[in-house]
């Protein structure tokens, strides 16, 4: 059985001021840790212009709530 996945992309230029845009790998690690604390299995990575978050589609609503709490969306 395969699981559907969703990818969320957050433009680095739109990150809140309290996050260090010059260190996107640290931001990706912080996001992944925040999602993990919320019980969400996700893989976060920094790409050239954005943070990429891959997660099971079944956890999209919960992940969105965590991202709102982190002031990312």
C-alpha atoms as a PDB file:
ATOM      1  CA  UNK A   1       0.000   0.000   0.000  1.00  0.00           C
ATOM      2  CA  UNK A   2       1.357   3.418  -0.906  1.00  0.00           C
ATOM      3  CA  UNK A   3       0.815   6.555   1.090  1.00  0.00           C
ATOM      4  CA  UNK A   4      -0.083   9.868  -0.510  1.00  0.00           C
ATOM      5  CA  UNK A   5       2.355  12.641   0.289  1.00  0.00           C
ATOM      6  CA  UNK A   6       2.040  16.390   0.161  1.00  0.00           C
ATOM      7  CA  UNK A   7       4.795  18.911  -0.401  1.00  0.00           C
ATOM      8  CA  UNK A   8       4.602  22.360   1.143  1.00  0.00           C
ATOM      9  CA  UNK A   9       7.015  25.024  -0.046  1.00  0.00           C
ATOM     10  CA  UNK A  10       7.724  28.176   1.916  1.00  0.00           C
ATOM     11  CA  UNK A  11       9.656  30.923   0.145  1.00  0.00           C
ATOM     12  CA  UNK A  12      12.721  31.853   2.188  1.00  0.00           C
ATOM     13  CA  UNK A  13      12.122  35.533   1.435  1.00  0.00           C
ATOM     14  CA  UNK A  14       8.745  35.328   3.214  1.00  0.00           C
ATOM     15  CA  UNK A  15      10.088  33.859   6.470  1.00  0.00           C
ATOM     16  CA  UNK A  16       9.257  35.932   9.565  1.00  0.00           C
ATOM     17  CA  UNK A  17      11.895  38.403  10.713  1.00  0.00           C
ATOM     18  CA  UNK A  18      12.686  36.398  13.855  1.00  0.00           C
ATOM     19  CA  UNK A  19      14.128  33.582  11.704  1.00  0.00           C
ATOM     20  CA  UNK A  20      17.624  33.805  10.223  1.00  0.00           C
ATOM     21  CA  UNK A  21      17.057  33.740   6.453  1.00  0.00           C
ATOM     22  CA  UNK A  22      20.795  33.399   5.898  1.00  0.00           C
ATOM     23  CA  UNK A  23      20.686  29.922   7.514  1.00  0.00           C
ATOM     24  CA  UNK A  24      17.803  28.110   5.794  1.00  0.00           C
ATOM     25  CA  UNK A  25      19.127  24.701   6.857  1.00  0.00           C
ATOM     26  CA  UNK A  26      18.684  25.717  10.515  1.00  0.00           C
ATOM     27  CA  UNK A  27      15.182  26.993   9.750  1.00  0.00           C
ATOM     28  CA  UNK A  28      14.317  23.681   8.060  1.00  0.00           C
ATOM     29  CA  UNK A  29      15.558  21.774  11.123  1.00  0.00           C
ATOM     30  CA  UNK A  30      13.472  24.024  13.409  1.00  0.00           C
ATOM     31  CA  UNK A  31      10.361  23.459  11.298  1.00  0.00           C
ATOM     32  CA  UNK A  32      10.906  19.696  11.239  1.00  0.00           C
ATOM     33  CA  UNK A  33      11.367  19.648  15.023  1.00  0.00           C
ATOM     34  CA  UNK A  34       8.204  21.712  15.530  1.00  0.00           C
ATOM     35  CA  UNK A  35       6.206  19.363  13.335  1.00  0.00           C
ATOM     36  CA  UNK A  36       7.650  16.336  15.148  1.00  0.00           C
ATOM     37  CA  UNK A  37       6.600  17.844  18.495  1.00  0.00           C
ATOM     38  CA  UNK A  38       3.111  18.159  17.014  1.00  0.00           C
ATOM     39  CA  UNK A  39       3.111  14.444  16.205  1.00  0.00           C
ATOM     40  CA  UNK A  40       3.667  14.967  12.485  1.00  0.00           C
ATOM     41  CA  UNK A  41       6.128  12.924  10.490  1.00  0.00           C
ATOM     42  CA  UNK A  42       7.770  15.278   8.001  1.00  0.00           C
ATOM     43  CA  UNK A  43      10.977  15.730   6.085  1.00  0.00           C
ATOM     44  CA  UNK A  44      12.102  19.350   5.781  1.00  0.00           C
ATOM     45  CA  UNK A  45      14.945  20.583   3.632  1.00  0.00           C
ATOM     46  CA  UNK A  46      16.226  23.874   2.362  1.00  0.00           C
ATOM     47  CA  UNK A  47      16.456  24.393  -1.356  1.00  0.00           C
ATOM     48  CA  UNK A  48      17.805  27.422  -3.174  1.00  0.00           C
ATOM     49  CA  UNK A  49      14.829  29.701  -2.712  1.00  0.00           C
ATOM     50  CA  UNK A  50      12.466  27.853  -0.417  1.00  0.00           C
ATOM     51  CA  UNK A  51      11.981  25.414   2.426  1.00  0.00           C
ATOM     52  CA  UNK A  52      10.484  22.122   1.239  1.00  0.00           C
ATOM     53  CA  UNK A  53       8.309  20.121   3.618  1.00  0.00           C
ATOM     54  CA  UNK A  54       7.214  16.605   2.634  1.00  0.00           C
ATOM     55  CA  UNK A  55       4.594  14.917   4.802  1.00  0.00           C
ATOM     56  CA  UNK A  56       1.793  12.350   4.631  1.00  0.00           C
ATOM     57  CA  UNK A  57      -1.308  13.964   3.151  1.00  0.00           C
ATOM     58  CA  UNK A  58      -3.343  12.561   6.049  1.00  0.00           C
ATOM     59  CA  UNK A  59      -1.391  14.902   8.356  1.00  0.00           C
ATOM     60  CA  UNK A  60      -1.821  18.042   6.238  1.00  0.00           C
ATOM     61  CA  UNK A  61      -4.440  19.698   8.445  1.00  0.00           C
ATOM     62  CA  UNK A  62      -2.429  19.101  11.614  1.00  0.00           C
ATOM     63  CA  UNK A  63       0.768  20.286   9.908  1.00  0.00           C
ATOM     64  CA  UNK A  64      -0.983  23.453   8.772  1.00  0.00           C
ATOM     65  CA  UNK A  65      -1.982  24.202  12.360  1.00  0.00           C
ATOM     66  CA  UNK A  66       1.625  23.777  13.522  1.00  0.00           C
ATOM     67  CA  UNK A  67       2.888  26.016  10.710  1.00  0.00           C
ATOM     68  CA  UNK A  68       0.388  28.682  11.754  1.00  0.00           C
ATOM     69  CA  UNK A  69       1.644  28.421  15.341  1.00  0.00           C
ATOM     70  CA  UNK A  70       5.206  28.847  14.033  1.00  0.00           C
ATOM     71  CA  UNK A  71       4.018  31.953  12.119  1.00  0.00           C
ATOM     72  CA  UNK A  72       5.050  30.447   8.793  1.00  0.00           C
ATOM     73  CA  UNK A  73       1.634  30.541   7.120  1.00  0.00           C
END
